[in-house]
Amino acid sequence: MLKFKRGRRGEKGYTLIELLIVCAIIGIILAIAIPNLIKARISANEANGRKAMQTMRDAEGEYFEQDMDNNGSRDFTDLIGLLDVTADPGPTLRCPDPGTPGGCVEADALIDNSFVGAITSAGDGNAASTADCTDTKAGYCVGWTEDTASPVGLNDVTPQVSVQLQADFGWEASMASAFKSGRRDFGVWGDGVIRCSVSSQPTSGAAGLFDATRDGTNAIAAGACD
C-alpha cells in the first residue's frame, strides 16, 4: 500500500497570482524589446543597402577612370559578372579585363562575390521591377537601372564629354521583403548621389519595387539619402 507523506509544516511555494505577475512582466518586456529589435535589424539592412550602392558607385568610377577593361576608352559596364570567363565572358565588375593572363582572380574584382547572388531574377545587366534574387545582400537585391539615356552633347568632342559620360550608369537596391527586411529603396547614378525612397509596395512582406529614381522625384529628403 502506498503511503503519502504530508508536506513539512511551514513550507511555502509561489502562488498563482505571483506566477501570473511574473508572466505579465515578461510579456511587457518582450512587447517592448521585439519591435525595437525588428527596427534595429531593418535599420542595419538599410545601412547595408546604402553601402552596397556606395560600393557600386566606387566600382563603376574606378572601372571608368582607369579603363579597367583595357578597350582604349572610358566607359561603364552593366554587369556584375563572374570570375569564370568561360561562363561569363565579360568585361564585368567582377572580371573587368577578361584578357588577363591566367584569367580573372578575386584580386582583380572591383566588388566582392556577395553581389553575385543578389542580382535580381531579371538577370545580370537587366533592370527588374521587383526585388527577387536567390541570395540577398543583407535583405536587399541589386540590379542595373537600365537608365542609359545619353546626356545632351555626349557625342560632341568637347572637354565636357568625360563629365557627361559619368552620368550614364545606374544601380539600384530594393528590399526582398518590404517593411520586414527594409523600408527604403536605394539607387545611385553617375552624379554620385545615393538616392532613396520609401517603398510603395502595398503588401507588407512582398518584394520591393525599386522606387528610387535618378531625378529624385519619388525620393525623400529632396532626392538624397540622409
Protein backbone atom coordinates (compact mmCIF):
# COMPACT_ATOMS: atom_id res chain seq x y z
CA MET A 1 0.00 0.00 0.00
CA LEU A 2 1.30 3.43 -0.98
CA LYS A 3 1.76 5.94 1.76
CA PHE A 4 1.68 9.68 1.20
CA LYS A 5 3.70 11.94 3.39
CA ARG A 6 2.36 15.27 4.33
CA GLY A 7 4.42 18.29 3.38
CA ARG A 8 6.51 19.78 6.05
CA ARG A 9 4.74 22.40 8.05
CA GLY A 10 5.84 25.92 7.18
CA GLU A 11 6.96 25.17 3.55
CA LYS A 12 5.75 27.77 1.08
CA GLY A 13 5.64 27.93 -2.74
CA TYR A 14 4.73 30.52 -5.39
CA THR A 15 1.08 31.38 -5.58
CA LEU A 16 -0.81 31.50 -8.87
CA ILE A 17 -1.07 35.28 -8.65
CA GLU A 18 2.69 35.63 -8.25
CA LEU A 19 3.29 33.44 -11.30
CA LEU A 20 0.80 35.47 -13.34
CA ILE A 21 2.51 38.71 -12.33
CA VAL A 22 5.91 37.35 -13.45
CA CYS A 23 4.43 36.22 -16.78
CA ALA A 24 2.84 39.65 -17.26
CA ILE A 25 6.17 41.39 -16.61
CA ILE A 26 7.96 39.12 -19.10
CA GLY A 27 5.23 39.80 -21.66
CA ILE A 28 5.63 43.56 -21.26
CA ILE A 29 9.40 43.32 -21.67
CA LEU A 30 9.02 41.24 -24.85
CA ALA A 31 6.40 43.63 -26.23
CA ILE A 32 8.90 46.46 -25.87
CA ALA A 33 12.03 44.59 -26.95
CA ILE A 34 10.82 42.69 -30.05
CA PRO A 35 9.66 45.75 -32.07
CA ASN A 36 12.92 47.52 -31.22
CA LEU A 37 14.92 44.50 -32.36
CA ILE A 38 12.98 44.42 -35.65
CA LYS A 39 13.57 48.14 -36.18
CA ALA A 40 17.27 47.68 -35.45
CA ARG A 41 17.51 44.87 -38.00
CA ILE A 42 15.69 46.94 -40.64
CA SER A 43 17.97 49.91 -39.98
CA ALA A 44 21.02 47.67 -40.30
CA ASN A 45 19.70 46.23 -43.58
CA GLU A 46 19.05 49.71 -44.95
CA ALA A 47 22.54 50.81 -43.99
CA ASN A 48 23.85 47.78 -45.89
CA GLY A 49 21.70 48.66 -48.92
CA ARG A 50 23.08 52.19 -48.92
CA LYS A 51 26.61 50.84 -48.52
CA ALA A 52 26.05 48.50 -51.46
CA MET A 53 25.18 51.48 -53.65
CA GLN A 54 28.29 53.29 -52.49
CA THR A 55 30.36 50.23 -53.39
CA MET A 56 28.75 50.04 -56.84
CA ARG A 57 29.35 53.75 -57.41
CA ASP A 58 33.02 53.45 -56.44
CA ALA A 59 33.48 50.32 -58.57
CA GLU A 60 31.95 51.97 -61.65
CA GLY A 61 34.06 55.06 -61.03
CA GLU A 62 37.27 53.02 -60.94
CA TYR A 63 36.19 50.97 -63.96
CA PHE A 64 35.56 54.20 -65.89
CA GLU A 65 38.51 56.34 -64.84
CA GLN A 66 41.17 53.65 -65.16
CA ASP A 67 39.78 51.94 -68.29
CA MET A 68 39.79 48.64 -66.42
CA ASP A 69 38.65 46.64 -69.46
CA ASN A 70 41.60 47.95 -71.48
CA ASN A 71 39.50 48.75 -74.54
CA GLY A 72 41.08 52.15 -75.08
CA SER A 73 38.11 54.23 -73.99
CA ARG A 74 36.46 55.15 -70.73
CA ASP A 75 33.08 53.51 -70.33
CA PHE A 76 30.90 51.67 -67.83
CA THR A 77 29.58 48.13 -67.52
CA ASP A 78 26.08 46.98 -66.59
CA LEU A 79 27.32 43.56 -65.48
CA ILE A 80 28.33 42.34 -62.03
CA GLY A 81 29.58 39.13 -63.58
CA LEU A 82 31.62 36.13 -62.54
CA LEU A 83 35.32 35.38 -62.36
CA ASP A 84 34.85 32.45 -64.74
CA VAL A 85 35.16 33.96 -68.22
CA THR A 86 34.00 30.72 -69.85
CA ALA A 87 30.61 31.13 -68.20
CA ASP A 88 30.56 34.93 -68.28
CA PRO A 89 32.90 36.40 -70.92
CA GLY A 90 32.73 39.95 -69.54
CA PRO A 91 34.02 42.55 -69.14
CA THR A 92 32.26 42.90 -65.77
CA LEU A 93 32.84 44.49 -62.40
CA ARG A 94 33.97 41.10 -61.09
CA CYS A 95 36.22 40.49 -64.09
CA PRO A 96 37.00 43.87 -65.66
CA ASP A 97 39.59 42.53 -68.09
CA PRO A 98 38.78 39.01 -69.36
CA GLY A 99 42.07 39.02 -71.27
CA THR A 100 44.12 38.87 -68.08
CA PRO A 101 46.75 36.11 -68.43
CA GLY A 102 45.61 33.12 -66.42
CA GLY A 103 42.10 34.51 -66.11
CA CYS A 104 40.49 36.80 -63.55
CA VAL A 105 41.04 36.21 -59.86
CA GLU A 106 39.46 37.70 -56.76
CA ALA A 107 42.18 40.33 -56.57
CA ASP A 108 41.03 41.69 -59.96
CA ALA A 109 37.41 42.15 -58.85
CA LEU A 110 36.07 45.63 -58.14
CA ILE A 111 33.29 44.20 -55.95
CA ASP A 112 33.13 41.08 -53.80
CA ASN A 113 31.18 37.90 -54.61
CA SER A 114 28.34 38.73 -52.20
CA PHE A 115 26.85 40.82 -55.02
CA VAL A 116 26.58 37.84 -57.37
CA GLY A 117 23.70 36.13 -55.57
CA ALA A 118 21.95 39.47 -55.00
CA ILE A 119 21.34 40.06 -58.72
CA THR A 120 17.61 40.27 -59.43
CA SER A 121 15.81 37.47 -61.23
CA ALA A 122 15.63 39.66 -64.36
CA GLY A 123 19.27 38.75 -64.82
CA ASP A 124 22.62 40.49 -64.83
CA GLY A 125 22.56 43.68 -66.88
CA ASN A 126 18.77 43.84 -66.93
CA ALA A 127 16.50 46.02 -64.83
CA ALA A 128 13.89 44.34 -62.64
CA SER A 129 10.52 45.63 -61.50
CA THR A 130 10.59 43.84 -58.14
CA ALA A 131 13.32 42.67 -55.80
CA ASP A 132 13.66 38.94 -56.34
CA CYS A 133 17.04 37.28 -56.01
CA THR A 134 18.47 33.95 -54.93
CA ASP A 135 20.74 35.28 -52.18
CA THR A 136 20.08 38.74 -50.79
CA LYS A 137 22.77 41.09 -49.62
CA ALA A 138 21.53 41.61 -46.05
CA GLY A 139 17.92 41.59 -47.23
CA TYR A 140 18.48 43.57 -50.44
CA CYS A 141 18.55 42.64 -54.12
CA VAL A 142 20.70 44.60 -56.57
CA GLY A 143 20.01 45.43 -60.20
CA TRP A 144 21.03 47.60 -63.14
CA THR A 145 18.64 50.51 -63.68
CA GLU A 146 18.67 50.25 -67.49
CA ASP A 147 18.87 54.03 -67.44
CA THR A 148 21.20 54.55 -70.40
CA ALA A 149 19.89 57.77 -71.93
CA SER A 150 22.89 59.80 -73.07
CA PRO A 151 23.18 63.40 -71.84
CA VAL A 152 22.92 66.18 -74.41
CA GLY A 153 26.17 66.66 -76.29
CA LEU A 154 27.55 63.27 -75.30
CA ASN A 155 28.88 62.66 -78.81
CA ASP A 156 30.36 66.14 -79.16
CA VAL A 157 34.11 66.39 -78.97
CA THR A 158 34.24 68.78 -76.03
CA PRO A 159 36.04 68.88 -72.68
CA GLN A 160 32.70 68.06 -71.05
CA VAL A 161 32.44 64.63 -72.65
CA SER A 162 34.14 62.78 -69.80
CA VAL A 163 31.92 64.53 -67.27
CA GLN A 164 28.80 63.72 -69.28
CA LEU A 165 29.80 60.09 -69.57
CA GLN A 166 29.90 59.85 -65.81
CA ALA A 167 26.15 60.47 -65.73
CA ASP A 168 25.49 57.33 -67.71
CA PHE A 169 25.32 54.46 -65.24
CA GLY A 170 22.89 53.45 -62.57
CA TRP A 171 22.42 50.73 -59.96
CA GLU A 172 19.54 50.09 -57.58
CA ALA A 173 18.92 48.12 -54.40
CA SER A 174 15.49 47.12 -53.11
CA MET A 175 14.45 45.07 -50.12
CA ALA A 176 13.42 41.46 -50.76
CA SER A 177 10.70 41.76 -48.14
CA ALA A 178 9.08 45.18 -47.85
CA PHE A 179 8.86 46.58 -44.32
CA LYS A 180 10.40 43.37 -42.96
CA SER A 181 13.92 43.39 -44.31
CA GLY A 182 13.76 47.10 -45.15
CA ARG A 183 11.56 50.12 -45.80
CA ARG A 184 13.50 52.10 -48.38
CA ASP A 185 14.87 51.52 -51.87
CA PHE A 186 18.24 52.93 -52.85
CA GLY A 187 19.77 53.97 -56.14
CA VAL A 188 22.98 55.55 -57.36
CA TRP A 189 23.73 57.20 -60.71
CA GLY A 190 26.61 58.95 -62.41
CA ASP A 191 26.19 62.12 -60.36
CA GLY A 192 27.43 60.11 -57.37
CA VAL A 193 24.45 60.89 -55.16
CA ILE A 194 22.83 57.92 -53.44
CA ARG A 195 19.08 58.46 -53.59
CA CYS A 196 16.41 56.67 -51.61
CA SER A 197 12.66 56.35 -51.42
CA VAL A 198 10.20 54.71 -49.07
CA SER A 199 8.80 51.63 -50.81
CA SER A 200 5.37 51.90 -52.39
CA GLN A 201 4.93 48.13 -52.15
CA PRO A 202 1.34 47.80 -50.85
CA THR A 203 1.67 44.30 -49.43
CA SER A 204 3.84 44.06 -46.36
CA GLY A 205 6.39 41.32 -46.83
CA ALA A 206 6.28 41.33 -50.62
CA ALA A 207 9.35 42.27 -52.62
CA GLY A 208 10.19 45.96 -53.03
CA LEU A 209 9.56 47.89 -56.22
CA PHE A 210 12.85 49.74 -56.89
CA ASP A 211 11.21 53.11 -56.26
CA ALA A 212 14.37 55.24 -56.08
CA THR A 213 14.70 57.40 -59.20
CA ARG A 214 17.50 59.21 -60.97
CA ASP A 215 15.89 62.65 -60.64
CA GLY A 216 14.70 62.02 -57.09
CA THR A 217 11.01 62.62 -57.92
CA ASN A 218 9.86 59.79 -55.68
CA ALA A 219 12.60 60.12 -53.11
CA ILE A 220 12.59 61.53 -49.61
CA ALA A 221 14.84 64.31 -48.31
CA ALA A 222 14.86 66.16 -51.64
CA GLY A 223 16.15 63.17 -53.55
CA ALA A 224 19.10 62.26 -51.38
CA CYS A 225 19.53 59.84 -48.50
CA ASP A 226 20.34 61.42 -45.19
